[in-house]
Amino acid sequence: MFLDHYIRITTRRERERLARECNTTVAYLYQIAGGHRQPGAGLTLKIERATSGAICRCNLRPDLFPPEECHCKRICTCPAHALAPVTSPSDPAAPPSPPPVAPEKPRQAATHATWPRVRVRP
């Protein structure tokens, strides 16, 4: 499970308990869940321990805790994410890979001519 989903499904008291056990604030947990902050290695482990493994360390910091080495294999049982287990490419039961997606057309840089004109009263 990911932190953003955990925060959505828990009550206020449960979020406060999690913050207290992790020695942080609920606001900081919201910032982590929203992707505005990244927890350190210590806080990542505290969150995993405080949630009894519901939020895995590889979901919070895949750069520090590679999913390939993790015990959870990035399986998310929550309906919001519905992630499948990681399978090897040589696995015959693995689903076919999706077709490549064409890159988006680059956006035109905003210039003076593209901005809406605002009429200024004298």
PDB file of N, CA and C in Angstrom:
ATOM      1  N   MET A   1       0.850  -1.169   0.000  1.00  0.00           N
ATOM      2  CA  MET A   1       0.000   0.000   0.000  1.00  0.00           C
ATOM      3  C   MET A   1       0.898   1.235   0.000  1.00  0.00           C
ATOM      4  N   PHE A   2       0.419   2.264  -0.627  1.00  0.00           N
ATOM      5  CA  PHE A   2       1.168   3.513  -0.681  1.00  0.00           C
ATOM      6  C   PHE A   2       0.645   4.463   0.396  1.00  0.00           C
ATOM      7  N   LEU A   3       1.487   5.400   0.789  1.00  0.00           N
ATOM      8  CA  LEU A   3       1.144   6.300   1.891  1.00  0.00           C
ATOM      9  C   LEU A   3      -0.074   7.153   1.572  1.00  0.00           C
ATOM     10  N   ASP A   4      -0.226   7.599   0.333  1.00  0.00           N
ATOM     11  CA  ASP A   4      -1.377   8.440   0.003  1.00  0.00           C
ATOM     12  C   ASP A   4      -2.690   7.689   0.196  1.00  0.00           C
ATOM     13  N   HIS A   5      -2.721   6.417  -0.159  1.00  0.00           N
ATOM     14  CA  HIS A   5      -3.936   5.628   0.036  1.00  0.00           C
ATOM     15  C   HIS A   5      -4.150   5.356   1.525  1.00  0.00           C
ATOM     16  N   TYR A   6      -3.085   5.070   2.252  1.00  0.00           N
ATOM     17  CA  TYR A   6      -3.191   4.815   3.686  1.00  0.00           C
ATOM     18  C   TYR A   6      -3.782   6.031   4.401  1.00  0.00           C
ATOM     19  N   ILE A   7      -3.339   7.211   4.028  1.00  0.00           N
ATOM     20  CA  ILE A   7      -3.845   8.434   4.658  1.00  0.00           C
ATOM     21  C   ILE A   7      -5.324   8.635   4.335  1.00  0.00           C
ATOM     22  N   ARG A   8      -5.729   8.296   3.111  1.00  0.00           N
ATOM     23  CA  ARG A   8      -7.133   8.464   2.733  1.00  0.00           C
ATOM     24  C   ARG A   8      -8.061   7.518   3.484  1.00  0.00           C
ATOM     25  N   ILE A   9      -7.604   6.301   3.791  1.00  0.00           N
ATOM     26  CA  ILE A   9      -8.516   5.326   4.392  1.00  0.00           C
ATOM     27  C   ILE A   9      -8.466   5.303   5.918  1.00  0.00           C
ATOM     28  N   THR A  10      -7.505   6.002   6.523  1.00  0.00           N
ATOM     29  CA  THR A  10      -7.414   5.985   7.979  1.00  0.00           C
ATOM     30  C   THR A  10      -8.132   7.186   8.586  1.00  0.00           C
ATOM     31  N   THR A  11      -8.450   7.047   9.851  1.00  0.00           N
ATOM     32  CA  THR A  11      -9.104   8.151  10.562  1.00  0.00           C
ATOM     33  C   THR A  11      -8.048   9.150  11.026  1.00  0.00           C
ATOM     34  N   ARG A  12      -8.531  10.274  11.511  1.00  0.00           N
ATOM     35  CA  ARG A  12      -7.631  11.313  12.009  1.00  0.00           C
ATOM     36  C   ARG A  12      -6.779  10.793  13.166  1.00  0.00           C
ATOM     37  N   ARG A  13      -7.392  10.058  14.065  1.00  0.00           N
ATOM     38  CA  ARG A  13      -6.649   9.517  15.212  1.00  0.00           C
ATOM     39  C   ARG A  13      -5.568   8.543  14.776  1.00  0.00           C
ATOM     40  N   GLU A  14      -5.874   7.727  13.779  1.00  0.00           N
ATOM     41  CA  GLU A  14      -4.878   6.776  13.286  1.00  0.00           C
ATOM     42  C   GLU A  14      -3.700   7.499  12.633  1.00  0.00           C
ATOM     43  N   ARG A  15      -3.995   8.572  11.907  1.00  0.00           N
ATOM     44  CA  ARG A  15      -2.910   9.366  11.300  1.00  0.00           C
ATOM     45  C   ARG A  15      -2.064  10.032  12.380  1.00  0.00           C
ATOM     46  N   GLU A  16      -2.716  10.537  13.428  1.00  0.00           N
ATOM     47  CA  GLU A  16      -1.969  11.155  14.532  1.00  0.00           C
ATOM     48  C   GLU A  16      -1.111  10.121  15.267  1.00  0.00           C
ATOM     49  N   ARG A  17      -1.644   8.909  15.447  1.00  0.00           N
ATOM     50  CA  ARG A  17      -0.888   7.839  16.082  1.00  0.00           C
ATOM     51  C   ARG A  17       0.339   7.477  15.244  1.00  0.00           C
ATOM     52  N   LEU A  18       0.148   7.385  13.923  1.00  0.00           N
ATOM     53  CA  LEU A  18       1.267   7.073  13.038  1.00  0.00           C
ATOM     54  C   LEU A  18       2.339   8.154  13.130  1.00  0.00           C
ATOM     55  N   ALA A  19       1.931   9.412  13.108  1.00  0.00           N
ATOM     56  CA  ALA A  19       2.894  10.509  13.201  1.00  0.00           C
ATOM     57  C   ALA A  19       3.629  10.476  14.543  1.00  0.00           C
ATOM     58  N   ARG A  20       2.906  10.209  15.614  1.00  0.00           N
ATOM     59  CA  ARG A  20       3.514  10.150  16.945  1.00  0.00           C
ATOM     60  C   ARG A  20       4.526   9.004  17.040  1.00  0.00           C
ATOM     61  N   GLU A  21       4.166   7.833  16.514  1.00  0.00           N
ATOM     62  CA  GLU A  21       5.071   6.686  16.554  1.00  0.00           C
ATOM     63  C   GLU A  21       6.314   6.907  15.695  1.00  0.00           C
ATOM     64  N   CYS A  22       6.168   7.691  14.639  1.00  0.00           N
ATOM     65  CA  CYS A  22       7.297   7.954  13.743  1.00  0.00           C
ATOM     66  C   CYS A  22       8.066   9.209  14.140  1.00  0.00           C
ATOM     67  N   ASN A  23       7.610   9.864  15.203  1.00  0.00           N
ATOM     68  CA  ASN A  23       8.258  11.079  15.689  1.00  0.00           C
ATOM     69  C   ASN A  23       8.286  12.166  14.611  1.00  0.00           C
ATOM     70  N   THR A  24       7.137  12.385  13.982  1.00  0.00           N
ATOM     71  CA  THR A  24       6.997  13.421  12.969  1.00  0.00           C
ATOM     72  C   THR A  24       5.603  14.026  13.106  1.00  0.00           C
ATOM     73  N   THR A  25       5.181  14.815  12.137  1.00  0.00           N
ATOM     74  CA  THR A  25       3.866  15.442  12.186  1.00  0.00           C
ATOM     75  C   THR A  25       2.980  14.882  11.083  1.00  0.00           C
ATOM     76  N   VAL A  26       1.678  15.044  11.260  1.00  0.00           N
ATOM     77  CA  VAL A  26       0.730  14.607  10.244  1.00  0.00           C
ATOM     78  C   VAL A  26       0.930  15.449   8.976  1.00  0.00           C
ATOM     79  N   ALA A  27       1.231  16.706   9.132  1.00  0.00           N
ATOM     80  CA  ALA A  27       1.456  17.571   7.968  1.00  0.00           C
ATOM     81  C   ALA A  27       2.628  17.071   7.137  1.00  0.00           C
ATOM     82  N   TYR A  28       3.681  16.610   7.805  1.00  0.00           N
ATOM     83  CA  TYR A  28       4.841  16.083   7.072  1.00  0.00           C
ATOM     84  C   TYR A  28       4.473  14.781   6.355  1.00  0.00           C
ATOM     85  N   LEU A  29       3.627  13.962   6.961  1.00  0.00           N
ATOM     86  CA  LEU A  29       3.172  12.742   6.297  1.00  0.00           C
ATOM     87  C   LEU A  29       2.365  13.082   5.041  1.00  0.00           C
ATOM     88  N   TYR A  30       1.546  14.122   5.125  1.00  0.00           N
ATOM     89  CA  TYR A  30       0.800  14.571   3.949  1.00  0.00           C
ATOM     90  C   TYR A  30       1.762  15.044   2.850  1.00  0.00           C
ATOM     91  N   GLN A  31       2.819  15.738   3.223  1.00  0.00           N
ATOM     92  CA  GLN A  31       3.789  16.204   2.229  1.00  0.00           C
ATOM     93  C   GLN A  31       4.495  15.022   1.560  1.00  0.00           C
ATOM     94  N   ILE A  32       4.799  14.000   2.334  1.00  0.00           N
ATOM     95  CA  ILE A  32       5.421  12.804   1.772  1.00  0.00           C
ATOM     96  C   ILE A  32       4.440  12.108   0.831  1.00  0.00           C
ATOM     97  N   ALA A  33       3.188  11.965   1.276  1.00  0.00           N
ATOM     98  CA  ALA A  33       2.176  11.288   0.465  1.00  0.00           C
ATOM     99  C   ALA A  33       1.913  12.032  -0.835  1.00  0.00           C
ATOM    100  N   GLY A  34       1.969  13.347  -0.786  1.00  0.00           N
ATOM    101  CA  GLY A  34       1.736  14.147  -1.989  1.00  0.00           C
ATOM    102  C   GLY A  34       2.932  14.249  -2.911  1.00  0.00           C
ATOM    103  N   GLY A  35       4.063  13.721  -2.488  1.00  0.00           N
ATOM    104  CA  GLY A  35       5.250  13.772  -3.330  1.00  0.00           C
ATOM    105  C   GLY A  35       6.040  15.061  -3.216  1.00  0.00           C
ATOM    106  N   HIS A  36       5.712  15.890  -2.241  1.00  0.00           N
ATOM    107  CA  HIS A  36       6.414  17.160  -2.070  1.00  0.00           C
ATOM    108  C   HIS A  36       7.700  17.009  -1.269  1.00  0.00           C
ATOM    109  N   ARG A  37       7.774  15.968  -0.451  1.00  0.00           N
ATOM    110  CA  ARG A  37       8.956  15.671   0.368  1.00  0.00           C
ATOM    111  C   ARG A  37       9.275  14.197   0.243  1.00  0.00           C
ATOM    112  N   GLN A  38      10.523  13.850   0.535  1.00  0.00           N
ATOM    113  CA  GLN A  38      10.922  12.451   0.580  1.00  0.00           C
ATOM    114  C   GLN A  38      11.394  12.132   1.989  1.00  0.00           C
ATOM    115  N   PRO A  39      10.921  11.033   2.550  1.00  0.00           N
ATOM    116  CA  PRO A  39      11.376  10.685   3.893  1.00  0.00           C
ATOM    117  C   PRO A  39      12.790  10.139   3.848  1.00  0.00           C
ATOM    118  N   GLY A  40      13.526  10.346   4.913  1.00  0.00           N
ATOM    119  CA  GLY A  40      14.849   9.760   5.018  1.00  0.00           C
ATOM    120  C   GLY A  40      14.737   8.260   5.248  1.00  0.00           C
ATOM    121  N   ALA A  41      15.872   7.598   5.242  1.00  0.00           N
ATOM    122  CA  ALA A  41      15.874   6.141   5.425  1.00  0.00           C
ATOM    123  C   ALA A  41      15.296   5.755   6.781  1.00  0.00           C
ATOM    124  N   GLY A  42      15.649   6.514   7.821  1.00  0.00           N
ATOM    125  CA  GLY A  42      15.155   6.214   9.158  1.00  0.00           C
ATOM    126  C   GLY A  42      13.648   6.357   9.267  1.00  0.00           C
ATOM    127  N   LEU A  43      13.108   7.447   8.733  1.00  0.00           N
ATOM    128  CA  LEU A  43      11.665   7.670   8.783  1.00  0.00           C
ATOM    129  C   LEU A  43      10.933   6.634   7.932  1.00  0.00           C
ATOM    130  N   THR A  44      11.530   6.245   6.818  1.00  0.00           N
ATOM    131  CA  THR A  44      10.924   5.218   5.966  1.00  0.00           C
ATOM    132  C   THR A  44      10.751   3.915   6.743  1.00  0.00           C
ATOM    133  N   LEU A  45      11.787   3.528   7.471  1.00  0.00           N
ATOM    134  CA  LEU A  45      11.711   2.294   8.261  1.00  0.00           C
ATOM    135  C   LEU A  45      10.723   2.428   9.418  1.00  0.00           C
ATOM    136  N   LYS A  46      10.656   3.627  10.027  1.00  0.00           N
ATOM    137  CA  LYS A  46       9.700   3.849  11.108  1.00  0.00           C
ATOM    138  C   LYS A  46       8.263   3.733  10.609  1.00  0.00           C
ATOM    139  N   ILE A  47       7.998   4.283   9.417  1.00  0.00           N
ATOM    140  CA  ILE A  47       6.649   4.216   8.846  1.00  0.00           C
ATOM    141  C   ILE A  47       6.282   2.768   8.560  1.00  0.00           C
ATOM    142  N   GLU A  48       7.229   2.013   8.008  1.00  0.00           N
ATOM    143  CA  GLU A  48       6.953   0.599   7.725  1.00  0.00           C
ATOM    144  C   GLU A  48       6.674  -0.165   9.017  1.00  0.00           C
ATOM    145  N   ARG A  49       7.454   0.099  10.050  1.00  0.00           N
ATOM    146  CA  ARG A  49       7.283  -0.583  11.332  1.00  0.00           C
ATOM    147  C   ARG A  49       5.965  -0.175  12.003  1.00  0.00           C
ATOM    148  N   ALA A  50       5.639   1.120  11.965  1.00  0.00           N
ATOM    149  CA  ALA A  50       4.435   1.615  12.633  1.00  0.00           C
ATOM    150  C   ALA A  50       3.158   1.135  11.956  1.00  0.00           C
ATOM    151  N   THR A  51       3.227   0.850  10.660  1.00  0.00           N
ATOM    152  CA  THR A  51       2.045   0.363   9.944  1.00  0.00           C
ATOM    153  C   THR A  51       2.040  -1.159   9.827  1.00  0.00           C
ATOM    154  N   SER A  52       2.938  -1.821  10.546  1.00  0.00           N
ATOM    155  CA  SER A  52       3.067  -3.286  10.531  1.00  0.00           C
ATOM    156  C   SER A  52       3.282  -3.818   9.118  1.00  0.00           C
ATOM    157  N   GLY A  53       4.022  -3.070   8.320  1.00  0.00           N
ATOM    158  CA  GLY A  53       4.355  -3.503   6.969  1.00  0.00           C
ATOM    159  C   GLY A  53       3.315  -3.179   5.922  1.00  0.00           C
ATOM    160  N   ALA A  54       2.221  -2.515   6.303  1.00  0.00           N
ATOM    161  CA  ALA A  54       1.198  -2.156   5.314  1.00  0.00           C
ATOM    162  C   ALA A  54       1.761  -1.198   4.273  1.00  0.00           C
ATOM    163  N   ILE A  55       2.620  -0.287   4.710  1.00  0.00           N
ATOM    164  CA  ILE A  55       3.321   0.608   3.794  1.00  0.00           C
ATOM    165  C   ILE A  55       4.753   0.107   3.741  1.00  0.00           C
ATOM    166  N   CYS A  56       5.160  -0.356   2.588  1.00  0.00           N
ATOM    167  CA  CYS A  56       6.482  -0.961   2.460  1.00  0.00           C
ATOM    168  C   CYS A  56       7.532   0.100   2.163  1.00  0.00           C
ATOM    169  N   ARG A  57       8.737  -0.161   2.615  1.00  0.00           N
ATOM    170  CA  ARG A  57       9.844   0.781   2.414  1.00  0.00           C
ATOM    171  C   ARG A  57      10.140   1.028   0.938  1.00  0.00           C
ATOM    172  N   CYS A  58       9.956   0.009   0.090  1.00  0.00           N
ATOM    173  CA  CYS A  58      10.258   0.199  -1.338  1.00  0.00           C
ATOM    174  C   CYS A  58       9.209   1.071  -2.022  1.00  0.00           C
ATOM    175  N   ASN A  59       8.012   1.195  -1.444  1.00  0.00           N
ATOM    176  CA  ASN A  59       7.007   2.092  -2.002  1.00  0.00           C
ATOM    177  C   ASN A  59       7.310   3.543  -1.652  1.00  0.00           C
ATOM    178  N   LEU A  60       7.957   3.765  -0.505  1.00  0.00           N
ATOM    179  CA  LEU A  60       8.289   5.129  -0.093  1.00  0.00           C
ATOM    180  C   LEU A  60       9.586   5.616  -0.738  1.00  0.00           C
ATOM    181  N   ARG A  61      10.609   4.795  -0.740  1.00  0.00           N
ATOM    182  CA  ARG A  61      11.914   5.191  -1.273  1.00  0.00           C
ATOM    183  C   ARG A  61      12.520   4.075  -2.124  1.00  0.00           C
ATOM    184  N   PRO A  62      12.059   3.915  -3.367  1.00  0.00           N
ATOM    185  CA  PRO A  62      12.622   2.855  -4.210  1.00  0.00           C
ATOM    186  C   PRO A  62      14.087   3.106  -4.565  1.00  0.00           C
ATOM    187  N   ASP A  63      14.560   4.344  -4.417  1.00  0.00           N
ATOM    188  CA  ASP A  63      15.971   4.628  -4.695  1.00  0.00           C
ATOM    189  C   ASP A  63      16.880   4.094  -3.586  1.00  0.00           C
ATOM    190  N   LEU A  64      16.380   4.051  -2.342  1.00  0.00           N
ATOM    191  CA  LEU A  64      17.170   3.530  -1.223  1.00  0.00           C
ATOM    192  C   LEU A  64      16.927   2.046  -0.979  1.00  0.00           C
ATOM    193  N   PHE A  65      15.688   1.607  -1.207  1.00  0.00           N
ATOM    194  CA  PHE A  65      15.308   0.216  -0.973  1.00  0.00           C
ATOM    195  C   PHE A  65      14.756  -0.338  -2.279  1.00  0.00           C
ATOM    196  N   PRO A  66      15.612  -0.920  -3.132  1.00  0.00           N
ATOM    197  CA  PRO A  66      15.163  -1.384  -4.452  1.00  0.00           C
ATOM    198  C   PRO A  66      14.045  -2.418  -4.350  1.00  0.00           C
ATOM    199  N   PRO A  67      13.013  -2.276  -5.188  1.00  0.00           N
ATOM    200  CA  PRO A  67      11.896  -3.231  -5.153  1.00  0.00           C
ATOM    201  C   PRO A  67      12.327  -4.660  -5.455  1.00  0.00           C
ATOM    202  N   GLU A  68      13.391  -4.830  -6.234  1.00  0.00           N
ATOM    203  CA  GLU A  68      13.849  -6.176  -6.581  1.00  0.00           C
ATOM    204  C   GLU A  68      14.322  -6.930  -5.345  1.00  0.00           C
ATOM    205  N   GLU A  69      14.832  -6.208  -4.348  1.00  0.00           N
ATOM    206  CA  GLU A  69      15.354  -6.831  -3.135  1.00  0.00           C
ATOM    207  C   GLU A  69      14.336  -6.847  -1.997  1.00  0.00           C
ATOM    208  N   CYS A  70      13.159  -6.303  -2.242  1.00  0.00           N
ATOM    209  CA  CYS A  70      12.176  -6.170  -1.176  1.00  0.00           C
ATOM    210  C   CYS A  70      11.334  -7.433  -1.030  1.00  0.00           C
ATOM    211  N   HIS A  71      10.864  -7.650   0.196  1.00  0.00           N
ATOM    212  CA  HIS A  71      10.042  -8.822   0.484  1.00  0.00           C
ATOM    213  C   HIS A  71       8.628  -8.706  -0.064  1.00  0.00           C
ATOM    214  N   CYS A  72       8.155  -7.485  -0.293  1.00  0.00           N
ATOM    215  CA  CYS A  72       6.753  -7.316  -0.681  1.00  0.00           C
ATOM    216  C   CYS A  72       6.531  -7.474  -2.173  1.00  0.00           C
ATOM    217  N   LYS A  73       7.565  -7.330  -2.966  1.00  0.00           N
ATOM    218  CA  LYS A  73       7.472  -7.411  -4.433  1.00  0.00           C
ATOM    219  C   LYS A  73       6.477  -6.404  -4.997  1.00  0.00           C
ATOM    220  N   ARG A  74       6.303  -5.277  -4.285  1.00  0.00           N
ATOM    221  CA  ARG A  74       5.450  -4.159  -4.707  1.00  0.00           C
ATOM    222  C   ARG A  74       4.017  -4.583  -5.003  1.00  0.00           C
ATOM    223  N   ILE A  75       3.515  -5.529  -4.251  1.00  0.00           N
ATOM    224  CA  ILE A  75       2.120  -5.928  -4.412  1.00  0.00           C
ATOM    225  C   ILE A  75       1.270  -4.983  -3.584  1.00  0.00           C
ATOM    226  N   CYS A  76       0.350  -4.319  -4.221  1.00  0.00           N
ATOM    227  CA  CYS A  76      -0.547  -3.410  -3.519  1.00  0.00           C
ATOM    228  C   CYS A  76      -1.949  -3.991  -3.590  1.00  0.00           C
ATOM    229  N   THR A  77      -2.511  -4.301  -2.462  1.00  0.00           N
ATOM    230  CA  THR A  77      -3.829  -4.922  -2.435  1.00  0.00           C
ATOM    231  C   THR A  77      -4.956  -3.907  -2.404  1.00  0.00           C
ATOM    232  N   CYS A  78      -4.627  -2.631  -2.321  1.00  0.00           N
ATOM    233  CA  CYS A  78      -5.698  -1.637  -2.252  1.00  0.00           C
ATOM    234  C   CYS A  78      -6.312  -1.455  -3.642  1.00  0.00           C
ATOM    235  N   PRO A  79      -7.629  -1.257  -3.718  1.00  0.00           N
ATOM    236  CA  PRO A  79      -8.285  -1.135  -5.020  1.00  0.00           C
ATOM    237  C   PRO A  79      -7.883   0.117  -5.778  1.00  0.00           C
ATOM    238  N   ALA A  80      -7.380   1.134  -5.091  1.00  0.00           N
ATOM    239  CA  ALA A  80      -7.008   2.369  -5.773  1.00  0.00           C
ATOM    240  C   ALA A  80      -5.810   2.178  -6.693  1.00  0.00           C
ATOM    241  N   HIS A  81      -4.916   1.268  -6.350  1.00  0.00           N
ATOM    242  CA  HIS A  81      -3.719   1.081  -7.153  1.00  0.00           C
ATOM    243  C   HIS A  81      -3.739  -0.212  -7.945  1.00  0.00           C
ATOM    244  N   ALA A  82      -4.216  -1.282  -7.368  1.00  0.00           N
ATOM    245  CA  ALA A  82      -4.349  -2.581  -8.026  1.00  0.00           C
ATOM    246  C   ALA A  82      -3.093  -2.948  -8.808  1.00  0.00           C
ATOM    247  N   LEU A  83      -1.967  -2.963  -8.126  1.00  0.00           N
ATOM    248  CA  LEU A  83      -0.724  -3.333  -8.777  1.00  0.00           C
ATOM    249  C   LEU A  83      -0.591  -4.842  -8.845  1.00  0.00           C
ATOM    250  N   ALA A  84       0.012  -5.297  -9.896  1.00  0.00           N
ATOM    251  CA  ALA A  84       0.268  -6.725 -10.047  1.00  0.00           C
ATOM    252  C   ALA A  84       1.647  -7.029  -9.498  1.00  0.00           C
ATOM    253  N   PRO A  85       1.898  -8.266  -9.100  1.00  0.00           N
ATOM    254  CA  PRO A  85       3.238  -8.612  -8.629  1.00  0.00           C
ATOM    255  C   PRO A  85       4.260  -8.487  -9.747  1.00  0.00           C
ATOM    256  N   VAL A  86       5.480  -8.243  -9.372  1.00  0.00           N
ATOM    257  CA  VAL A  86       6.556  -8.113 -10.344  1.00  0.00           C
ATOM    258  C   VAL A  86       6.854  -9.497 -10.895  1.00  0.00           C
ATOM    259  N   THR A  87       6.854  -9.624 -12.223  1.00  0.00           N
ATOM    260  CA  THR A  87       7.154 -10.900 -12.861  1.00  0.00           C
ATOM    261  C   THR A  87       8.404 -10.758 -13.701  1.00  0.00           C
ATOM    262  N   SER A  88       9.065 -11.864 -13.916  1.00  0.00           N
ATOM    263  CA  SER A  88      10.276 -11.824 -14.732  1.00  0.00           C
ATOM    264  C   SER A  88       9.890 -11.862 -16.203  1.00  0.00           C
ATOM    265  N   PRO A  89      10.724 -11.284 -17.099  1.00  0.00           N
ATOM    266  CA  PRO A  89      10.394 -11.254 -18.517  1.00  0.00           C
ATOM    267  C   PRO A  89      10.347 -12.644 -19.145  1.00  0.00           C
ATOM    268  N   SER A  90      11.051 -13.623 -18.561  1.00  0.00           N
ATOM    269  CA  SER A  90      11.059 -14.963 -19.132  1.00  0.00           C
ATOM    270  C   SER A  90       9.864 -15.797 -18.663  1.00  0.00           C
ATOM    271  N   ASP A  91       9.033 -15.253 -17.812  1.00  0.00           N
ATOM    272  CA  ASP A  91       7.881 -15.969 -17.290  1.00  0.00           C
ATOM    273  C   ASP A  91       6.831 -16.102 -18.393  1.00  0.00           C
ATOM    274  N   PRO A  92       6.460 -17.327 -18.791  1.00  0.00           N
ATOM    275  CA  PRO A  92       5.478 -17.476 -19.868  1.00  0.00           C
ATOM    276  C   PRO A  92       4.083 -17.000 -19.464  1.00  0.00           C
ATOM    277  N   ALA A  93       3.809 -16.954 -18.168  1.00  0.00           N
ATOM    278  CA  ALA A  93       2.489 -16.512 -17.722  1.00  0.00           C
ATOM    279  C   ALA A  93       2.399 -14.998 -17.606  1.00  0.00           C
ATOM    280  N   ALA A  94       3.503 -14.328 -17.861  1.00  0.00           N
ATOM    281  CA  ALA A  94       3.510 -12.869 -17.748  1.00  0.00           C
ATOM    282  C   ALA A  94       2.656 -12.265 -18.866  1.00  0.00           C
ATOM    283  N   PRO A  95       1.885 -11.227 -18.563  1.00  0.00           N
ATOM    284  CA  PRO A  95       1.072 -10.593 -19.601  1.00  0.00           C
ATOM    285  C   PRO A  95       1.965  -9.886 -20.614  1.00  0.00           C
ATOM    286  N   PRO A  96       1.487  -9.736 -21.852  1.00  0.00           N
ATOM    287  CA  PRO A  96       2.302  -9.045 -22.851  1.00  0.00           C
ATOM    288  C   PRO A  96       2.494  -7.588 -22.469  1.00  0.00           C
ATOM    289  N   SER A  97       3.623  -7.055 -22.863  1.00  0.00           N
ATOM    290  CA  SER A  97       3.899  -5.661 -22.529  1.00  0.00           C
ATOM    291  C   SER A  97       3.021  -4.747 -23.378  1.00  0.00           C
ATOM    292  N   PRO A  98       2.621  -3.594 -22.848  1.00  0.00           N
ATOM    293  CA  PRO A  98       1.765  -2.685 -23.596  1.00  0.00           C
ATOM    294  C   PRO A  98       2.536  -2.073 -24.762  1.00  0.00           C
ATOM    295  N   PRO A  99       1.825  -1.640 -25.798  1.00  0.00           N
ATOM    296  CA  PRO A  99       2.515  -1.027 -26.934  1.00  0.00           C
ATOM    297  C   PRO A  99       3.163   0.284 -26.515  1.00  0.00           C
ATOM    298  N   PRO A 100       4.240   0.663 -27.198  1.00  0.00           N
ATOM    299  CA  PRO A 100       4.910   1.915 -26.827  1.00  0.00           C
ATOM    300  C   PRO A 100       4.004   3.110 -27.077  1.00  0.00           C
ATOM    301  N   VAL A 101       4.129   4.083 -26.224  1.00  0.00           N
ATOM    302  CA  VAL A 101       3.323   5.294 -26.314  1.00  0.00           C
ATOM    303  C   VAL A 101       4.141   6.357 -27.026  1.00  0.00           C
ATOM    304  N   ALA A 102       3.496   7.026 -27.974  1.00  0.00           N
ATOM    305  CA  ALA A 102       4.180   8.087 -28.713  1.00  0.00           C
ATOM    306  C   ALA A 102       4.467   9.252 -27.772  1.00  0.00           C
ATOM    307  N   PRO A 103       5.634   9.878 -27.891  1.00  0.00           N
ATOM    308  CA  PRO A 103       5.931  11.017 -27.013  1.00  0.00           C
ATOM    309  C   PRO A 103       5.000  12.185 -27.303  1.00  0.00           C
ATOM    310  N   GLU A 104       4.738  12.927 -26.253  1.00  0.00           N
ATOM    311  CA  GLU A 104       3.857  14.082 -26.413  1.00  0.00           C
ATOM    312  C   GLU A 104       4.538  15.155 -27.242  1.00  0.00           C
ATOM    313  N   LYS A 105       3.711  15.923 -27.934  1.00  0.00           N
ATOM    314  CA  LYS A 105       4.217  17.033 -28.725  1.00  0.00           C
ATOM    315  C   LYS A 105       4.715  18.102 -27.759  1.00  0.00           C
ATOM    316  N   PRO A 106       5.932  18.632 -27.974  1.00  0.00           N
ATOM    317  CA  PRO A 106       6.430  19.642 -27.044  1.00  0.00           C
ATOM    318  C   PRO A 106       5.547  20.882 -27.053  1.00  0.00           C
ATOM    319  N   ARG A 107       5.352  21.415 -25.869  1.00  0.00           N
ATOM    320  CA  ARG A 107       4.515  22.606 -25.741  1.00  0.00           C
ATOM    321  C   ARG A 107       5.294  23.835 -26.178  1.00  0.00           C
ATOM    322  N   GLN A 108       4.569  24.744 -26.786  1.00  0.00           N
ATOM    323  CA  GLN A 108       5.185  25.994 -27.228  1.00  0.00           C
ATOM    324  C   GLN A 108       5.458  26.868 -26.010  1.00  0.00           C
ATOM    325  N   ALA A 109       6.626  27.449 -26.004  1.00  0.00           N
ATOM    326  CA  ALA A 109       6.975  28.336 -24.899  1.00  0.00           C
ATOM    327  C   ALA A 109       6.078  29.566 -24.925  1.00  0.00           C
ATOM    328  N   ALA A 110       5.698  30.020 -23.739  1.00  0.00           N
ATOM    329  CA  ALA A 110       4.833  31.185 -23.645  1.00  0.00           C
ATOM    330  C   ALA A 110       5.622  32.429 -24.029  1.00  0.00           C
ATOM    331  N   THR A 111       5.076  33.143 -24.964  1.00  0.00           N
ATOM    332  CA  THR A 111       5.701  34.407 -25.383  1.00  0.00           C
ATOM    333  C   THR A 111       4.721  35.533 -25.112  1.00  0.00           C
ATOM    334  N   HIS A 112       5.180  36.728 -25.370  1.00  0.00           N
ATOM    335  CA  HIS A 112       4.329  37.888 -25.123  1.00  0.00           C
ATOM    336  C   HIS A 112       3.051  37.799 -25.950  1.00  0.00           C
ATOM    337  N   ALA A 113       3.151  37.273 -27.161  1.00  0.00           N
ATOM    338  CA  ALA A 113       1.992  37.208 -28.041  1.00  0.00           C
ATOM    339  C   ALA A 113       0.980  36.156 -27.578  1.00  0.00           C
ATOM    340  N   THR A 114       1.416  35.158 -26.826  1.00  0.00           N
ATOM    341  CA  THR A 114       0.491  34.111 -26.420  1.00  0.00           C
ATOM    342  C   THR A 114      -0.256  34.438 -25.139  1.00  0.00           C
ATOM    343  N   TRP A 115       0.226  35.397 -24.390  1.00  0.00           N
ATOM    344  CA  TRP A 115      -0.459  35.743 -23.154  1.00  0.00           C
ATOM    345  C   TRP A 115      -1.730  36.519 -23.464  1.00  0.00           C
ATOM    346  N   PRO A 116      -2.780  36.307 -22.696  1.00  0.00           N
ATOM    347  CA  PRO A 116      -4.010  37.075 -22.948  1.00  0.00           C
ATOM    348  C   PRO A 116      -3.774  38.546 -22.609  1.00  0.00           C
ATOM    349  N   ARG A 117      -4.328  39.350 -23.438  1.00  0.00           N
ATOM    350  CA  ARG A 117      -4.166  40.792 -23.222  1.00  0.00           C
ATOM    351  C   ARG A 117      -5.157  41.269 -22.177  1.00  0.00           C
ATOM    352  N   VAL A 118      -4.683  42.091 -21.292  1.00  0.00           N
ATOM    353  CA  VAL A 118      -5.528  42.621 -20.239  1.00  0.00           C
ATOM    354  C   VAL A 118      -5.664  44.121 -20.480  1.00  0.00           C
ATOM    355  N   ARG A 119      -6.895  44.567 -20.460  1.00  0.00           N
ATOM    356  CA  ARG A 119      -7.145  45.986 -20.689  1.00  0.00           C
ATOM    357  C   ARG A 119      -6.955  46.728 -19.384  1.00  0.00           C
ATOM    358  N   VAL A 120      -6.101  47.702 -19.398  1.00  0.00           N
ATOM    359  CA  VAL A 120      -5.814  48.489 -18.207  1.00  0.00           C
ATOM    360  C   VAL A 120      -6.610  49.786 -18.289  1.00  0.00           C
ATOM    361  N   ARG A 121      -7.340  50.065 -17.244  1.00  0.00           N
ATOM    362  CA  ARG A 121      -8.108  51.314 -17.220  1.00  0.00           C
ATOM    363  C   ARG A 121      -7.215  52.482 -16.859  1.00  0.00           C
ATOM    364  N   PRO A 122      -7.401  53.610 -17.520  1.00  0.00           N
ATOM    365  CA  PRO A 122      -6.567  54.784 -17.198  1.00  0.00           C
ATOM    366  C   PRO A 122      -6.927  55.433 -15.885  1.00  0.00           C
TER     367      PRO A 122
END
